[in-house]
């Protein structure tokens, strides 16, 4: 992965194993993309974090959600 290249985490709904297989195959050669099944347990508690709400909405509507991941900056030694 080159410096500055974005990393992405795809979360696939556990109700869509077909989508998990397809997306995993589509992105298999891209080291900056990680695909996982949603492992969360639905407790129906109030959600206070906007990102969690967006992920839940995307999983329900689309069957998947994309979460951009921060890439750690490498320090240059002079």
N, C-alpha and C. Protein backbone atom coordinates (compact mmCIF):
# COMPACT_ATOMS: atom_id res chain seq x y z
N UNK A 1 0.84 -1.17 0.00
CA UNK A 1 0.00 0.00 0.00
C UNK A 1 0.88 1.24 0.00
N UNK A 2 0.56 2.19 -0.83
CA UNK A 2 1.35 3.40 -0.90
C UNK A 2 0.89 4.40 0.15
N UNK A 3 1.79 5.30 0.49
CA UNK A 3 1.48 6.31 1.49
C UNK A 3 0.32 7.17 0.99
N UNK A 4 -0.65 7.42 1.87
CA UNK A 4 -1.78 8.24 1.51
C UNK A 4 -2.94 7.46 0.89
N UNK A 5 -2.74 6.18 0.64
CA UNK A 5 -3.80 5.38 0.06
C UNK A 5 -4.83 5.06 1.14
N UNK A 6 -6.09 5.26 0.84
CA UNK A 6 -7.15 5.02 1.82
C UNK A 6 -7.35 3.54 2.07
N UNK A 7 -7.76 3.22 3.29
CA UNK A 7 -8.12 1.85 3.66
C UNK A 7 -9.61 1.83 3.94
N UNK A 8 -10.28 0.75 3.58
CA UNK A 8 -11.71 0.66 3.77
C UNK A 8 -12.09 -0.68 4.40
N UNK A 9 -13.07 -0.62 5.26
CA UNK A 9 -13.64 -1.80 5.88
C UNK A 9 -15.07 -1.93 5.38
N UNK A 10 -15.37 -3.04 4.72
CA UNK A 10 -16.74 -3.33 4.30
C UNK A 10 -17.36 -4.23 5.35
N UNK A 11 -18.49 -3.84 5.88
CA UNK A 11 -19.24 -4.66 6.83
C UNK A 11 -20.46 -5.17 6.08
N UNK A 12 -20.60 -6.49 6.02
CA UNK A 12 -21.69 -7.11 5.28
C UNK A 12 -22.71 -7.67 6.27
N UNK A 13 -23.98 -7.44 6.00
CA UNK A 13 -25.05 -7.94 6.84
C UNK A 13 -24.96 -9.46 6.97
N UNK A 14 -25.15 -9.96 8.18
CA UNK A 14 -25.11 -11.42 8.37
C UNK A 14 -26.25 -12.12 7.65
N UNK A 15 -27.25 -11.33 7.24
CA UNK A 15 -28.37 -11.89 6.48
C UNK A 15 -28.05 -12.00 4.99
N UNK A 16 -26.85 -11.57 4.57
CA UNK A 16 -26.48 -11.58 3.16
C UNK A 16 -25.16 -12.31 2.91
N UNK A 17 -25.08 -13.61 3.24
CA UNK A 17 -23.83 -14.35 2.99
C UNK A 17 -23.46 -14.40 1.51
N UNK A 18 -24.45 -14.33 0.63
CA UNK A 18 -24.18 -14.29 -0.81
C UNK A 18 -23.42 -13.03 -1.19
N UNK A 19 -23.81 -11.92 -0.62
CA UNK A 19 -23.14 -10.66 -0.86
C UNK A 19 -21.72 -10.67 -0.29
N UNK A 20 -21.55 -11.29 0.87
CA UNK A 20 -20.22 -11.42 1.47
C UNK A 20 -19.28 -12.18 0.53
N UNK A 21 -19.75 -13.30 0.00
CA UNK A 21 -18.92 -14.09 -0.92
C UNK A 21 -18.56 -13.30 -2.18
N UNK A 22 -19.54 -12.60 -2.73
CA UNK A 22 -19.31 -11.85 -3.97
C UNK A 22 -18.33 -10.68 -3.76
N UNK A 23 -18.57 -9.89 -2.71
CA UNK A 23 -17.69 -8.74 -2.46
C UNK A 23 -16.30 -9.21 -2.07
N UNK A 24 -16.20 -10.29 -1.30
CA UNK A 24 -14.88 -10.83 -0.94
C UNK A 24 -14.11 -11.23 -2.19
N UNK A 25 -14.79 -11.85 -3.13
CA UNK A 25 -14.13 -12.26 -4.37
C UNK A 25 -13.74 -11.03 -5.21
N UNK A 26 -14.63 -10.04 -5.27
CA UNK A 26 -14.37 -8.84 -6.07
C UNK A 26 -13.16 -8.06 -5.57
N UNK A 27 -12.95 -8.02 -4.25
CA UNK A 27 -11.88 -7.22 -3.67
C UNK A 27 -10.71 -8.05 -3.14
N UNK A 28 -10.64 -9.29 -3.51
CA UNK A 28 -9.61 -10.20 -2.99
C UNK A 28 -8.19 -9.70 -3.26
N UNK A 29 -7.97 -9.02 -4.36
CA UNK A 29 -6.62 -8.58 -4.73
C UNK A 29 -6.27 -7.19 -4.21
N UNK A 30 -7.15 -6.58 -3.42
CA UNK A 30 -6.90 -5.23 -2.93
C UNK A 30 -6.54 -5.28 -1.44
N UNK A 31 -5.27 -5.10 -1.10
CA UNK A 31 -4.84 -5.23 0.29
C UNK A 31 -5.36 -4.12 1.19
N UNK A 32 -5.86 -3.03 0.63
CA UNK A 32 -6.35 -1.93 1.45
C UNK A 32 -7.86 -2.03 1.73
N UNK A 33 -8.48 -3.14 1.33
CA UNK A 33 -9.90 -3.36 1.59
C UNK A 33 -10.05 -4.61 2.44
N UNK A 34 -10.80 -4.47 3.55
CA UNK A 34 -11.09 -5.60 4.43
C UNK A 34 -12.60 -5.82 4.42
N UNK A 35 -13.03 -7.07 4.29
CA UNK A 35 -14.45 -7.41 4.28
C UNK A 35 -14.73 -8.32 5.46
N UNK A 36 -15.75 -7.95 6.26
CA UNK A 36 -16.15 -8.78 7.40
C UNK A 36 -17.68 -8.87 7.45
N UNK A 37 -18.16 -9.92 8.10
CA UNK A 37 -19.59 -10.05 8.37
C UNK A 37 -19.91 -9.28 9.64
N UNK A 38 -21.09 -8.68 9.69
CA UNK A 38 -21.53 -7.97 10.88
C UNK A 38 -21.70 -8.98 12.01
N UNK A 39 -20.92 -8.81 13.08
CA UNK A 39 -20.97 -9.75 14.20
C UNK A 39 -21.70 -9.18 15.41
N UNK A 40 -22.18 -7.96 15.26
CA UNK A 40 -22.82 -7.30 16.41
C UNK A 40 -24.12 -7.98 16.79
N UNK A 41 -24.43 -7.95 18.06
CA UNK A 41 -25.69 -8.47 18.58
C UNK A 41 -26.63 -7.28 18.71
N UNK A 42 -27.80 -7.40 18.16
CA UNK A 42 -28.78 -6.32 18.19
C UNK A 42 -29.46 -6.27 19.55
N UNK A 43 -29.20 -5.21 20.30
CA UNK A 43 -29.79 -5.07 21.63
C UNK A 43 -30.90 -4.04 21.65
N UNK A 44 -31.08 -3.30 20.59
CA UNK A 44 -32.10 -2.27 20.48
C UNK A 44 -31.99 -1.22 21.57
N UNK A 45 -30.78 -0.89 21.94
CA UNK A 45 -30.53 0.19 22.88
C UNK A 45 -30.40 1.49 22.10
N UNK A 46 -30.64 2.63 22.74
CA UNK A 46 -30.46 3.90 22.01
C UNK A 46 -29.01 4.04 21.55
N UNK A 47 -28.85 4.48 20.34
CA UNK A 47 -27.52 4.67 19.77
C UNK A 47 -27.22 6.16 19.77
N UNK A 48 -26.10 6.54 20.36
CA UNK A 48 -25.76 7.94 20.47
C UNK A 48 -24.66 8.37 19.50
N UNK A 49 -24.06 7.44 18.84
CA UNK A 49 -23.00 7.79 17.91
C UNK A 49 -23.52 7.78 16.48
N UNK A 50 -23.38 8.88 15.79
CA UNK A 50 -23.92 9.02 14.44
C UNK A 50 -23.39 7.96 13.49
N UNK A 51 -22.10 7.63 13.58
CA UNK A 51 -21.51 6.64 12.68
C UNK A 51 -22.20 5.29 12.84
N UNK A 52 -22.51 4.89 14.07
CA UNK A 52 -23.18 3.61 14.31
C UNK A 52 -24.57 3.61 13.69
N UNK A 53 -25.28 4.73 13.77
CA UNK A 53 -26.61 4.84 13.16
C UNK A 53 -26.51 4.70 11.65
N UNK A 54 -25.55 5.36 11.04
CA UNK A 54 -25.37 5.29 9.60
C UNK A 54 -25.04 3.86 9.16
N UNK A 55 -24.18 3.17 9.89
CA UNK A 55 -23.84 1.79 9.57
C UNK A 55 -25.08 0.91 9.66
N UNK A 56 -25.86 1.06 10.71
CA UNK A 56 -27.08 0.27 10.86
C UNK A 56 -28.05 0.53 9.71
N UNK A 57 -28.21 1.79 9.33
CA UNK A 57 -29.11 2.13 8.23
C UNK A 57 -28.63 1.52 6.91
N UNK A 58 -27.34 1.62 6.65
CA UNK A 58 -26.79 1.06 5.41
C UNK A 58 -26.92 -0.47 5.38
N UNK A 59 -26.64 -1.11 6.51
CA UNK A 59 -26.75 -2.57 6.56
C UNK A 59 -28.19 -3.01 6.29
N UNK A 60 -29.14 -2.30 6.87
CA UNK A 60 -30.53 -2.67 6.69
C UNK A 60 -31.01 -2.40 5.26
N UNK A 61 -30.64 -1.24 4.72
CA UNK A 61 -31.12 -0.85 3.39
C UNK A 61 -30.35 -1.53 2.26
N UNK A 62 -29.03 -1.64 2.40
CA UNK A 62 -28.20 -2.13 1.30
C UNK A 62 -27.65 -3.54 1.50
N UNK A 63 -27.56 -3.94 2.77
CA UNK A 63 -26.94 -5.23 3.07
C UNK A 63 -25.45 -5.09 3.35
N UNK A 64 -24.90 -3.87 3.23
CA UNK A 64 -23.49 -3.63 3.47
C UNK A 64 -23.27 -2.18 3.86
N UNK A 65 -22.12 -1.90 4.46
CA UNK A 65 -21.72 -0.54 4.82
C UNK A 65 -20.22 -0.43 4.62
N UNK A 66 -19.75 0.75 4.27
CA UNK A 66 -18.32 1.01 4.12
C UNK A 66 -17.87 1.93 5.24
N UNK A 67 -16.77 1.55 5.90
CA UNK A 67 -16.21 2.36 6.97
C UNK A 67 -14.79 2.74 6.58
N UNK A 68 -14.54 4.02 6.27
CA UNK A 68 -13.17 4.43 5.98
C UNK A 68 -12.30 4.25 7.23
N UNK A 69 -11.08 3.79 7.06
CA UNK A 69 -10.17 3.59 8.17
C UNK A 69 -9.02 4.56 8.05
N UNK A 70 -8.58 5.06 9.18
CA UNK A 70 -7.44 5.97 9.18
C UNK A 70 -6.17 5.21 8.87
N UNK A 71 -5.33 5.81 8.09
CA UNK A 71 -4.03 5.24 7.79
C UNK A 71 -3.03 5.99 8.67
N UNK A 72 -2.28 5.25 9.46
CA UNK A 72 -1.31 5.87 10.34
C UNK A 72 -0.23 6.55 9.51
N UNK A 73 0.04 7.76 9.87
CA UNK A 73 1.10 8.51 9.17
C UNK A 73 2.45 7.96 9.58
N UNK A 74 3.32 7.79 8.62
CA UNK A 74 4.66 7.31 8.96
C UNK A 74 5.55 8.50 9.23
N UNK A 75 6.34 8.40 10.25
CA UNK A 75 7.25 9.50 10.61
C UNK A 75 8.52 9.38 9.82
N UNK A 76 8.96 10.49 9.32
CA UNK A 76 10.22 10.52 8.58
C UNK A 76 11.36 10.79 9.55
N UNK A 77 12.39 10.05 9.43
CA UNK A 77 13.58 10.27 10.25
C UNK A 77 14.59 10.99 9.38
N UNK A 78 15.00 12.18 9.84
CA UNK A 78 15.96 12.94 9.01
C UNK A 78 17.36 12.73 9.47
